[in-house]
């Protein structure tokens, strides 16, 4: 049992698990911000065009307005994640390139 606990501690403390846990917490908080942006700013602005609360648009009981809210929400999150990954990859690429150049200089 002690060996199992030691293995679990080693697994839980690894960088990837901690990074994932942090990403989940930040992602949940970011999701609330995006939801607020869509629900409180974007959709009311669209509603001004038609003088109605577009998010509550539900012809024949089908909640099209909420569906559109969720699509906009998803697109904002997807674009934000794409930009964050692109930025992270750029930083990582520069560090790897610098390390390779330093290694070549040492040889």
PDB file of N, CA and C in Angstrom:
ATOM      1  N   UNK A   1       0.831  -1.199   0.000  1.00  0.00           N
ATOM      2  CA  UNK A   1       0.000   0.000   0.000  1.00  0.00           C
ATOM      3  C   UNK A   1       0.871   1.257   0.000  1.00  0.00           C
ATOM      4  N   UNK A   2       1.953   1.226   0.767  1.00  0.00           N
ATOM      5  CA  UNK A   2       2.841   2.388   0.827  1.00  0.00           C
ATOM      6  C   UNK A   2       3.439   2.671  -0.547  1.00  0.00           C
ATOM      7  N   UNK A   3       3.802   1.616  -1.259  1.00  0.00           N
ATOM      8  CA  UNK A   3       4.354   1.769  -2.596  1.00  0.00           C
ATOM      9  C   UNK A   3       3.338   2.433  -3.528  1.00  0.00           C
ATOM     10  N   UNK A   4       2.074   2.031  -3.406  1.00  0.00           N
ATOM     11  CA  UNK A   4       1.004   2.619  -4.207  1.00  0.00           C
ATOM     12  C   UNK A   4       0.879   4.112  -3.915  1.00  0.00           C
ATOM     13  N   UNK A   5       0.913   4.476  -2.635  1.00  0.00           N
ATOM     14  CA  UNK A   5       0.801   5.886  -2.238  1.00  0.00           C
ATOM     15  C   UNK A   5       1.992   6.676  -2.763  1.00  0.00           C
ATOM     16  N   UNK A   6       3.184   6.112  -2.667  1.00  0.00           N
ATOM     17  CA  UNK A   6       4.373   6.795  -3.182  1.00  0.00           C
ATOM     18  C   UNK A   6       4.284   7.003  -4.694  1.00  0.00           C
ATOM     19  N   UNK A   7       3.804   5.986  -5.401  1.00  0.00           N
ATOM     20  CA  UNK A   7       3.632   6.117  -6.848  1.00  0.00           C
ATOM     21  C   UNK A   7       2.607   7.191  -7.182  1.00  0.00           C
ATOM     22  N   UNK A   8       1.505   7.222  -6.417  1.00  0.00           N
ATOM     23  CA  UNK A   8       0.479   8.230  -6.665  1.00  0.00           C
ATOM     24  C   UNK A   8       1.023   9.631  -6.413  1.00  0.00           C
ATOM     25  N   UNK A   9       1.789   9.813  -5.342  1.00  0.00           N
ATOM     26  CA  UNK A   9       2.390  11.123  -5.052  1.00  0.00           C
ATOM     27  C   UNK A   9       3.301  11.554  -6.201  1.00  0.00           C
ATOM     28  N   UNK A  10       4.124  10.631  -6.671  1.00  0.00           N
ATOM     29  CA  UNK A  10       5.026  10.950  -7.779  1.00  0.00           C
ATOM     30  C   UNK A  10       4.238  11.338  -9.025  1.00  0.00           C
ATOM     31  N   UNK A  11       3.142  10.627  -9.271  1.00  0.00           N
ATOM     32  CA  UNK A  11       2.291  10.928 -10.424  1.00  0.00           C
ATOM     33  C   UNK A  11       1.625  12.294 -10.270  1.00  0.00           C
ATOM     34  N   UNK A  12       1.075  12.568  -9.092  1.00  0.00           N
ATOM     35  CA  UNK A  12       0.320  13.800  -8.861  1.00  0.00           C
ATOM     36  C   UNK A  12       1.209  15.029  -8.871  1.00  0.00           C
ATOM     37  N   UNK A  13       2.459  14.870  -8.505  1.00  0.00           N
ATOM     38  CA  UNK A  13       3.353  16.022  -8.423  1.00  0.00           C
ATOM     39  C   UNK A  13       4.037  16.302  -9.757  1.00  0.00           C
ATOM     40  N   UNK A  14       3.984  15.366 -10.679  1.00  0.00           N
ATOM     41  CA  UNK A  14       4.577  15.602 -12.002  1.00  0.00           C
ATOM     42  C   UNK A  14       4.002  16.873 -12.602  1.00  0.00           C
ATOM     43  N   UNK A  15       4.803  17.545 -13.393  1.00  0.00           N
ATOM     44  CA  UNK A  15       4.389  18.806 -13.997  1.00  0.00           C
ATOM     45  C   UNK A  15       3.119  18.714 -14.812  1.00  0.00           C
ATOM     46  N   UNK A  16       2.943  17.651 -15.570  1.00  0.00           N
ATOM     47  CA  UNK A  16       1.778  17.549 -16.444  1.00  0.00           C
ATOM     48  C   UNK A  16       0.474  17.521 -15.669  1.00  0.00           C
ATOM     49  N   UNK A  17       0.443  16.798 -14.560  1.00  0.00           N
ATOM     50  CA  UNK A  17      -0.788  16.709 -13.777  1.00  0.00           C
ATOM     51  C   UNK A  17      -1.097  18.057 -13.139  1.00  0.00           C
ATOM     52  N   UNK A  18      -0.069  18.707 -12.603  1.00  0.00           N
ATOM     53  CA  UNK A  18      -0.280  20.019 -11.990  1.00  0.00           C
ATOM     54  C   UNK A  18      -0.711  21.035 -13.051  1.00  0.00           C
ATOM     55  N   UNK A  19      -0.086  20.993 -14.206  1.00  0.00           N
ATOM     56  CA  UNK A  19      -0.465  21.897 -15.295  1.00  0.00           C
ATOM     57  C   UNK A  19      -1.918  21.676 -15.699  1.00  0.00           C
ATOM     58  N   UNK A  20      -2.316  20.422 -15.776  1.00  0.00           N
ATOM     59  CA  UNK A  20      -3.690  20.102 -16.145  1.00  0.00           C
ATOM     60  C   UNK A  20      -4.677  20.613 -15.099  1.00  0.00           C
ATOM     61  N   UNK A  21      -4.347  20.428 -13.828  1.00  0.00           N
ATOM     62  CA  UNK A  21      -5.229  20.899 -12.756  1.00  0.00           C
ATOM     63  C   UNK A  21      -5.383  22.416 -12.806  1.00  0.00           C
ATOM     64  N   UNK A  22      -4.283  23.108 -13.013  1.00  0.00           N
ATOM     65  CA  UNK A  22      -4.329  24.570 -13.107  1.00  0.00           C
ATOM     66  C   UNK A  22      -5.139  24.988 -14.329  1.00  0.00           C
ATOM     67  N   UNK A  23      -4.944  24.300 -15.440  1.00  0.00           N
ATOM     68  CA  UNK A  23      -5.681  24.626 -16.665  1.00  0.00           C
ATOM     69  C   UNK A  23      -7.180  24.439 -16.482  1.00  0.00           C
ATOM     70  N   UNK A  24      -7.583  23.408 -15.760  1.00  0.00           N
ATOM     71  CA  UNK A  24      -9.012  23.171 -15.529  1.00  0.00           C
ATOM     72  C   UNK A  24      -9.614  24.301 -14.707  1.00  0.00           C
ATOM     73  N   UNK A  25      -8.917  24.714 -13.653  1.00  0.00           N
ATOM     74  CA  UNK A  25      -9.424  25.792 -12.796  1.00  0.00           C
ATOM     75  C   UNK A  25      -9.504  27.100 -13.576  1.00  0.00           C
ATOM     76  N   UNK A  26      -8.441  27.441 -14.287  1.00  0.00           N
ATOM     77  CA  UNK A  26      -8.440  28.679 -15.069  1.00  0.00           C
ATOM     78  C   UNK A  26      -9.466  28.592 -16.190  1.00  0.00           C
ATOM     79  N   UNK A  27      -9.592  27.436 -16.813  1.00  0.00           N
ATOM     80  CA  UNK A  27     -10.578  27.256 -17.877  1.00  0.00           C
ATOM     81  C   UNK A  27     -11.998  27.461 -17.389  1.00  0.00           C
ATOM     82  N   UNK A  28     -12.293  26.971 -16.200  1.00  0.00           N
ATOM     83  CA  UNK A  28     -13.638  27.157 -15.639  1.00  0.00           C
ATOM     84  C   UNK A  28     -13.915  28.634 -15.388  1.00  0.00           C
ATOM     85  N   UNK A  29     -12.931  29.331 -14.834  1.00  0.00           N
ATOM     86  CA  UNK A  29     -13.104  30.764 -14.581  1.00  0.00           C
ATOM     87  C   UNK A  29     -13.228  31.529 -15.897  1.00  0.00           C
ATOM     88  N   UNK A  30     -12.402  31.175 -16.878  1.00  0.00           N
ATOM     89  CA  UNK A  30     -12.452  31.839 -18.174  1.00  0.00           C
ATOM     90  C   UNK A  30     -13.788  31.582 -18.860  1.00  0.00           C
ATOM     91  N   UNK A  31     -14.316  30.383 -18.701  1.00  0.00           N
ATOM     92  CA  UNK A  31     -15.623  30.052 -19.277  1.00  0.00           C
ATOM     93  C   UNK A  31     -16.721  30.957 -18.750  1.00  0.00           C
ATOM     94  N   UNK A  32     -16.662  31.284 -17.468  1.00  0.00           N
ATOM     95  CA  UNK A  32     -17.660  32.188 -16.885  1.00  0.00           C
ATOM     96  C   UNK A  32     -17.542  33.589 -17.481  1.00  0.00           C
ATOM     97  N   UNK A  33     -16.305  34.020 -17.707  1.00  0.00           N
ATOM     98  CA  UNK A  33     -16.098  35.343 -18.308  1.00  0.00           C
ATOM     99  C   UNK A  33     -16.644  35.367 -19.729  1.00  0.00           C
ATOM    100  N   UNK A  34     -16.364  34.333 -20.493  1.00  0.00           N
ATOM    101  CA  UNK A  34     -16.856  34.266 -21.874  1.00  0.00           C
ATOM    102  C   UNK A  34     -18.378  34.202 -21.894  1.00  0.00           C
ATOM    103  N   UNK A  35     -18.961  33.408 -21.003  1.00  0.00           N
ATOM    104  CA  UNK A  35     -20.417  33.319 -20.930  1.00  0.00           C
ATOM    105  C   UNK A  35     -21.023  34.679 -20.620  1.00  0.00           C
ATOM    106  N   UNK A  36     -20.417  35.401 -19.693  1.00  0.00           N
ATOM    107  CA  UNK A  36     -20.905  36.739 -19.366  1.00  0.00           C
ATOM    108  C   UNK A  36     -20.757  37.679 -20.559  1.00  0.00           C
ATOM    109  N   UNK A  37     -19.632  37.590 -21.258  1.00  0.00           N
ATOM    110  CA  UNK A  37     -19.424  38.428 -22.441  1.00  0.00           C
ATOM    111  C   UNK A  37     -20.520  38.179 -23.471  1.00  0.00           C
ATOM    112  N   UNK A  38     -20.804  36.909 -23.726  1.00  0.00           N
ATOM    113  CA  UNK A  38     -21.825  36.570 -24.722  1.00  0.00           C
ATOM    114  C   UNK A  38     -23.209  36.979 -24.239  1.00  0.00           C
ATOM    115  N   UNK A  39     -23.565  36.573 -23.007  1.00  0.00           N
ATOM    116  CA  UNK A  39     -24.916  36.811 -22.489  1.00  0.00           C
ATOM    117  C   UNK A  39     -25.198  38.276 -22.176  1.00  0.00           C
ATOM    118  N   UNK A  40     -24.195  38.988 -21.658  1.00  0.00           N
ATOM    119  CA  UNK A  40     -24.428  40.338 -21.154  1.00  0.00           C
ATOM    120  C   UNK A  40     -24.023  41.456 -22.106  1.00  0.00           C
ATOM    121  N   UNK A  41     -23.168  41.146 -23.082  1.00  0.00           N
ATOM    122  CA  UNK A  41     -22.700  42.209 -23.978  1.00  0.00           C
ATOM    123  C   UNK A  41     -23.046  41.916 -25.437  1.00  0.00           C
ATOM    124  N   UNK A  42     -22.626  40.771 -25.939  1.00  0.00           N
ATOM    125  CA  UNK A  42     -22.809  40.487 -27.366  1.00  0.00           C
ATOM    126  C   UNK A  42     -24.275  40.290 -27.730  1.00  0.00           C
ATOM    127  N   UNK A  43     -24.962  39.401 -27.025  1.00  0.00           N
ATOM    128  CA  UNK A  43     -26.354  39.106 -27.390  1.00  0.00           C
ATOM    129  C   UNK A  43     -27.284  40.308 -27.192  1.00  0.00           C
ATOM    130  N   UNK A  44     -27.157  41.084 -26.109  1.00  0.00           N
ATOM    131  CA  UNK A  44     -28.001  42.282 -26.025  1.00  0.00           C
ATOM    132  C   UNK A  44     -27.712  43.279 -27.154  1.00  0.00           C
ATOM    133  N   UNK A  45     -26.444  43.364 -27.571  1.00  0.00           N
ATOM    134  CA  UNK A  45     -26.107  44.250 -28.690  1.00  0.00           C
ATOM    135  C   UNK A  45     -26.778  43.775 -29.972  1.00  0.00           C
ATOM    136  N   UNK A  46     -26.779  42.466 -30.197  1.00  0.00           N
ATOM    137  CA  UNK A  46     -27.477  41.915 -31.362  1.00  0.00           C
ATOM    138  C   UNK A  46     -28.974  42.151 -31.222  1.00  0.00           C
ATOM    139  N   UNK A  47     -29.481  42.033 -30.005  1.00  0.00           N
ATOM    140  CA  UNK A  47     -30.905  42.250 -29.745  1.00  0.00           C
ATOM    141  C   UNK A  47     -31.353  43.666 -30.039  1.00  0.00           C
ATOM    142  N   UNK A  48     -30.433  44.632 -29.940  1.00  0.00           N
ATOM    143  CA  UNK A  48     -30.783  46.022 -30.249  1.00  0.00           C
ATOM    144  C   UNK A  48     -31.189  46.180 -31.706  1.00  0.00           C
ATOM    145  N   UNK A  49     -30.611  45.362 -32.559  1.00  0.00           N
ATOM    146  CA  UNK A  49     -30.941  45.425 -33.983  1.00  0.00           C
ATOM    147  C   UNK A  49     -32.407  45.075 -34.199  1.00  0.00           C
ATOM    148  N   UNK A  50     -32.863  44.047 -33.510  1.00  0.00           N
ATOM    149  CA  UNK A  50     -34.251  43.613 -33.667  1.00  0.00           C
ATOM    150  C   UNK A  50     -35.149  44.066 -32.534  1.00  0.00           C
ATOM    151  N   UNK A  51     -34.637  44.895 -31.630  1.00  0.00           N
ATOM    152  CA  UNK A  51     -35.389  45.389 -30.473  1.00  0.00           C
ATOM    153  C   UNK A  51     -35.964  44.251 -29.635  1.00  0.00           C
ATOM    154  N   UNK A  52     -35.179  43.197 -29.431  1.00  0.00           N
ATOM    155  CA  UNK A  52     -35.648  42.066 -28.631  1.00  0.00           C
ATOM    156  C   UNK A  52     -34.471  41.401 -27.938  1.00  0.00           C
ATOM    157  N   UNK A  53     -34.787  40.617 -26.923  1.00  0.00           N
ATOM    158  CA  UNK A  53     -33.758  39.822 -26.260  1.00  0.00           C
ATOM    159  C   UNK A  53     -33.531  38.584 -27.108  1.00  0.00           C
ATOM    160  N   UNK A  54     -32.503  38.614 -27.912  1.00  0.00           N
ATOM    161  CA  UNK A  54     -32.237  37.557 -28.875  1.00  0.00           C
ATOM    162  C   UNK A  54     -31.955  36.220 -28.197  1.00  0.00           C
ATOM    163  N   UNK A  55     -31.380  36.258 -26.988  1.00  0.00           N
ATOM    164  CA  UNK A  55     -31.038  35.003 -26.311  1.00  0.00           C
ATOM    165  C   UNK A  55     -32.278  34.200 -25.935  1.00  0.00           C
ATOM    166  N   UNK A  56     -33.424  34.854 -25.857  1.00  0.00           N
ATOM    167  CA  UNK A  56     -34.668  34.156 -25.508  1.00  0.00           C
ATOM    168  C   UNK A  56     -35.502  33.806 -26.739  1.00  0.00           C
ATOM    169  N   UNK A  57     -34.935  33.988 -27.894  1.00  0.00           N
ATOM    170  CA  UNK A  57     -35.636  33.691 -29.138  1.00  0.00           C
ATOM    171  C   UNK A  57     -35.848  32.180 -29.223  1.00  0.00           C
ATOM    172  N   UNK A  58     -37.114  31.768 -29.291  1.00  0.00           N
ATOM    173  CA  UNK A  58     -37.437  30.336 -29.307  1.00  0.00           C
ATOM    174  C   UNK A  58     -38.677  30.075 -30.153  1.00  0.00           C
ATOM    175  N   UNK A  59     -38.546  30.202 -31.481  1.00  0.00           N
ATOM    176  CA  UNK A  59     -39.711  29.933 -32.326  1.00  0.00           C
ATOM    177  C   UNK A  59     -40.148  28.475 -32.199  1.00  0.00           C
ATOM    178  N   UNK A  60     -41.425  28.287 -32.015  1.00  0.00           N
ATOM    179  CA  UNK A  60     -42.026  26.948 -31.868  1.00  0.00           C
ATOM    180  C   UNK A  60     -41.400  26.163 -30.720  1.00  0.00           C
ATOM    181  N   UNK A  61     -40.938  26.878 -29.699  1.00  0.00           N
ATOM    182  CA  UNK A  61     -40.367  26.221 -28.526  1.00  0.00           C
ATOM    183  C   UNK A  61     -38.929  25.757 -28.681  1.00  0.00           C
ATOM    184  N   UNK A  62     -38.343  25.957 -29.855  1.00  0.00           N
ATOM    185  CA  UNK A  62     -36.949  25.580 -30.088  1.00  0.00           C
ATOM    186  C   UNK A  62     -36.079  26.765 -29.675  1.00  0.00           C
ATOM    187  N   UNK A  63     -35.196  26.542 -28.732  1.00  0.00           N
ATOM    188  CA  UNK A  63     -34.388  27.627 -28.160  1.00  0.00           C
ATOM    189  C   UNK A  63     -33.211  27.988 -29.070  1.00  0.00           C
ATOM    190  N   UNK A  64     -33.521  28.589 -30.201  1.00  0.00           N
ATOM    191  CA  UNK A  64     -32.478  28.958 -31.157  1.00  0.00           C
ATOM    192  C   UNK A  64     -31.560  30.040 -30.601  1.00  0.00           C
ATOM    193  N   UNK A  65     -32.120  30.967 -29.857  1.00  0.00           N
ATOM    194  CA  UNK A  65     -31.311  32.040 -29.278  1.00  0.00           C
ATOM    195  C   UNK A  65     -30.246  31.503 -28.338  1.00  0.00           C
ATOM    196  N   UNK A  66     -30.605  30.568 -27.475  1.00  0.00           N
ATOM    197  CA  UNK A  66     -29.638  29.968 -26.552  1.00  0.00           C
ATOM    198  C   UNK A  66     -28.604  29.143 -27.318  1.00  0.00           C
ATOM    199  N   UNK A  67     -29.045  28.482 -28.381  1.00  0.00           N
ATOM    200  CA  UNK A  67     -28.118  27.710 -29.205  1.00  0.00           C
ATOM    201  C   UNK A  67     -27.086  28.639 -29.844  1.00  0.00           C
ATOM    202  N   UNK A  68     -27.549  29.762 -30.357  1.00  0.00           N
ATOM    203  CA  UNK A  68     -26.631  30.737 -30.957  1.00  0.00           C
ATOM    204  C   UNK A  68     -25.698  31.298 -29.893  1.00  0.00           C
ATOM    205  N   UNK A  69     -26.223  31.559 -28.679  1.00  0.00           N
ATOM    206  CA  UNK A  69     -25.369  31.984 -27.558  1.00  0.00           C
ATOM    207  C   UNK A  69     -24.235  30.985 -27.344  1.00  0.00           C
ATOM    208  N   UNK A  70     -24.588  29.709 -27.317  1.00  0.00           N
ATOM    209  CA  UNK A  70     -23.588  28.675 -27.060  1.00  0.00           C
ATOM    210  C   UNK A  70     -22.576  28.559 -28.193  1.00  0.00           C
ATOM    211  N   UNK A  71     -23.017  28.768 -29.424  1.00  0.00           N
ATOM    212  CA  UNK A  71     -22.081  28.746 -30.556  1.00  0.00           C
ATOM    213  C   UNK A  71     -21.090  29.898 -30.436  1.00  0.00           C
ATOM    214  N   UNK A  72     -21.586  31.093 -30.143  1.00  0.00           N
ATOM    215  CA  UNK A  72     -20.702  32.254 -29.982  1.00  0.00           C
ATOM    216  C   UNK A  72     -19.741  32.018 -28.825  1.00  0.00           C
ATOM    217  N   UNK A  73     -20.262  31.492 -27.736  1.00  0.00           N
ATOM    218  CA  UNK A  73     -19.440  31.177 -26.569  1.00  0.00           C
ATOM    219  C   UNK A  73     -18.317  30.213 -26.951  1.00  0.00           C
ATOM    220  N   UNK A  74     -18.659  29.146 -27.659  1.00  0.00           N
ATOM    221  CA  UNK A  74     -17.663  28.164 -28.089  1.00  0.00           C
ATOM    222  C   UNK A  74     -16.609  28.802 -28.987  1.00  0.00           C
ATOM    223  N   UNK A  75     -17.045  29.620 -29.944  1.00  0.00           N
ATOM    224  CA  UNK A  75     -16.096  30.241 -30.869  1.00  0.00           C
ATOM    225  C   UNK A  75     -15.110  31.145 -30.141  1.00  0.00           C
ATOM    226  N   UNK A  76     -15.595  31.896 -29.159  1.00  0.00           N
ATOM    227  CA  UNK A  76     -14.700  32.767 -28.391  1.00  0.00           C
ATOM    228  C   UNK A  76     -13.683  31.931 -27.622  1.00  0.00           C
ATOM    229  N   UNK A  77     -14.141  30.864 -26.981  1.00  0.00           N
ATOM    230  CA  UNK A  77     -13.218  29.997 -26.242  1.00  0.00           C
ATOM    231  C   UNK A  77     -12.227  29.342 -27.197  1.00  0.00           C
ATOM    232  N   UNK A  78     -12.697  28.830 -28.324  1.00  0.00           N
ATOM    233  CA  UNK A  78     -11.817  28.155 -29.282  1.00  0.00           C
ATOM    234  C   UNK A  78     -10.755  29.105 -29.825  1.00  0.00           C
ATOM    235  N   UNK A  79     -11.147  30.313 -30.168  1.00  0.00           N
ATOM    236  CA  UNK A  79     -10.185  31.295 -30.677  1.00  0.00           C
ATOM    237  C   UNK A  79      -9.186  31.672 -29.592  1.00  0.00           C
ATOM    238  N   UNK A  80      -9.669  31.850 -28.367  1.00  0.00           N
ATOM    239  CA  UNK A  80      -8.777  32.190 -27.253  1.00  0.00           C
ATOM    240  C   UNK A  80      -7.764  31.080 -26.999  1.00  0.00           C
ATOM    241  N   UNK A  81      -8.214  29.844 -27.009  1.00  0.00           N
ATOM    242  CA  UNK A  81      -7.302  28.712 -26.802  1.00  0.00           C
ATOM    243  C   UNK A  81      -6.303  28.633 -27.950  1.00  0.00           C
ATOM    244  N   UNK A  82      -6.764  28.835 -29.182  1.00  0.00           N
ATOM    245  CA  UNK A  82      -5.865  28.814 -30.337  1.00  0.00           C
ATOM    246  C   UNK A  82      -4.771  29.866 -30.190  1.00  0.00           C
ATOM    247  N   UNK A  83      -5.144  31.075 -29.795  1.00  0.00           N
ATOM    248  CA  UNK A  83      -4.167  32.152 -29.623  1.00  0.00           C
ATOM    249  C   UNK A  83      -3.192  31.818 -28.499  1.00  0.00           C
ATOM    250  N   UNK A  84      -3.708  31.284 -27.386  1.00  0.00           N
ATOM    251  CA  UNK A  84      -2.840  30.922 -26.263  1.00  0.00           C
ATOM    252  C   UNK A  84      -1.850  29.830 -26.662  1.00  0.00           C
ATOM    253  N   UNK A  85      -2.311  28.811 -27.378  1.00  0.00           N
ATOM    254  CA  UNK A  85      -1.425  27.724 -27.810  1.00  0.00           C
ATOM    255  C   UNK A  85      -0.391  28.245 -28.799  1.00  0.00           C
ATOM    256  N   UNK A  86      -0.822  29.098 -29.713  1.00  0.00           N
ATOM    257  CA  UNK A  86       0.103  29.678 -30.690  1.00  0.00           C
ATOM    258  C   UNK A  86       1.193  30.484 -29.975  1.00  0.00           C
ATOM    259  N   UNK A  87       0.808  31.270 -28.980  1.00  0.00           N
ATOM    260  CA  UNK A  87       1.760  32.063 -28.198  1.00  0.00           C
ATOM    261  C   UNK A  87       2.714  31.142 -27.432  1.00  0.00           C
ATOM    262  N   UNK A  88       2.156  30.112 -26.788  1.00  0.00           N
ATOM    263  CA  UNK A  88       2.975  29.164 -26.033  1.00  0.00           C
ATOM    264  C   UNK A  88       3.969  28.457 -26.947  1.00  0.00           C
ATOM    265  N   UNK A  89       3.517  28.036 -28.113  1.00  0.00           N
ATOM    266  CA  UNK A  89       4.404  27.356 -29.064  1.00  0.00           C
ATOM    267  C   UNK A  89       5.517  28.275 -29.538  1.00  0.00           C
ATOM    268  N   UNK A  90       5.211  29.541 -29.730  1.00  0.00           N
ATOM    269  CA  UNK A  90       6.235  30.498 -30.161  1.00  0.00           C
ATOM    270  C   UNK A  90       7.310  30.640 -29.083  1.00  0.00           C
ATOM    271  N   UNK A  91       6.872  30.771 -27.825  1.00  0.00           N
ATOM    272  CA  UNK A  91       7.827  30.899 -26.724  1.00  0.00           C
ATOM    273  C   UNK A  91       8.657  29.624 -26.594  1.00  0.00           C
ATOM    274  N   UNK A  92       7.995  28.479 -26.638  1.00  0.00           N
ATOM    275  CA  UNK A  92       8.685  27.195 -26.511  1.00  0.00           C
ATOM    276  C   UNK A  92       9.672  27.001 -27.653  1.00  0.00           C
ATOM    277  N   UNK A  93       9.272  27.359 -28.860  1.00  0.00           N
ATOM    278  CA  UNK A  93      10.147  27.210 -30.030  1.00  0.00           C
ATOM    279  C   UNK A  93      11.405  28.061 -29.861  1.00  0.00           C
ATOM    280  N   UNK A  94      11.239  29.295 -29.363  1.00  0.00           N
ATOM    281  CA  UNK A  94      12.400  30.170 -29.160  1.00  0.00           C
ATOM    282  C   UNK A  94      13.352  29.574 -28.131  1.00  0.00           C
ATOM    283  N   UNK A  95      12.803  29.004 -27.049  1.00  0.00           N
ATOM    284  CA  UNK A  95      13.654  28.407 -26.015  1.00  0.00           C
ATOM    285  C   UNK A  95      14.394  27.191 -26.558  1.00  0.00           C
ATOM    286  N   UNK A  96      13.703  26.348 -27.310  1.00  0.00           N
ATOM    287  CA  UNK A  96      14.335  25.158 -27.884  1.00  0.00           C
ATOM    288  C   UNK A  96      15.422  25.569 -28.862  1.00  0.00           C
ATOM    289  N   UNK A  97      15.126  26.547 -29.696  1.00  0.00           N
ATOM    290  CA  UNK A  97      16.105  27.022 -30.679  1.00  0.00           C
ATOM    291  C   UNK A  97      17.340  27.582 -29.972  1.00  0.00           C
ATOM    292  N   UNK A  98      17.122  28.347 -28.906  1.00  0.00           N
ATOM    293  CA  UNK A  98      18.233  28.922 -28.149  1.00  0.00           C
ATOM    294  C   UNK A  98      19.071  27.814 -27.519  1.00  0.00           C
ATOM    295  N   UNK A  99      18.417  26.798 -26.951  1.00  0.00           N
ATOM    296  CA  UNK A  99      19.145  25.682 -26.339  1.00  0.00           C
ATOM    297  C   UNK A  99      19.967  24.923 -27.373  1.00  0.00           C
ATOM    298  N   UNK A 100      19.417  24.720 -28.555  1.00  0.00           N
ATOM    299  CA  UNK A 100      20.149  24.019 -29.619  1.00  0.00           C
ATOM    300  C   UNK A 100      21.353  24.837 -30.053  1.00  0.00           C
ATOM    301  N   UNK A 101      21.168  26.147 -30.201  1.00  0.00           N
ATOM    302  CA  UNK A 101      22.281  27.010 -30.599  1.00  0.00           C
ATOM    303  C   UNK A 101      23.382  27.004 -29.548  1.00  0.00           C
ATOM    304  N   UNK A 102      22.988  27.034 -28.257  1.00  0.00           N
ATOM    305  CA  UNK A 102      23.987  26.991 -27.189  1.00  0.00           C
ATOM    306  C   UNK A 102      24.743  25.669 -27.202  1.00  0.00           C
ATOM    307  N   UNK A 103      24.033  24.572 -27.445  1.00  0.00           N
ATOM    308  CA  UNK A 103      24.676  23.262 -27.515  1.00  0.00           C
ATOM    309  C   UNK A 103      25.662  23.202 -28.671  1.00  0.00           C
ATOM    310  N   UNK A 104      25.280  23.756 -29.811  1.00  0.00           N
ATOM    311  CA  UNK A 104      26.167  23.752 -30.973  1.00  0.00           C
ATOM    312  C   UNK A 104      27.393  24.618 -30.729  1.00  0.00           C
ATOM    313  N   UNK A 105      27.226  25.724 -30.008  1.00  0.00           N
ATOM    314  CA  UNK A 105      28.357  26.592 -29.696  1.00  0.00           C
ATOM    315  C   UNK A 105      29.347  25.899 -28.765  1.00  0.00           C
ATOM    316  N   UNK A 106      28.841  25.053 -27.861  1.00  0.00           N
ATOM    317  CA  UNK A 106      29.712  24.339 -26.927  1.00  0.00           C
ATOM    318  C   UNK A 106      30.539  23.272 -27.628  1.00  0.00           C
ATOM    319  N   UNK A 107      30.058  22.781 -28.736  1.00  0.00           N
ATOM    320  CA  UNK A 107      30.786  21.722 -29.450  1.00  0.00           C
ATOM    321  C   UNK A 107      31.822  22.342 -30.281  1.00  0.00           C
TER     322      UNK A 107
END
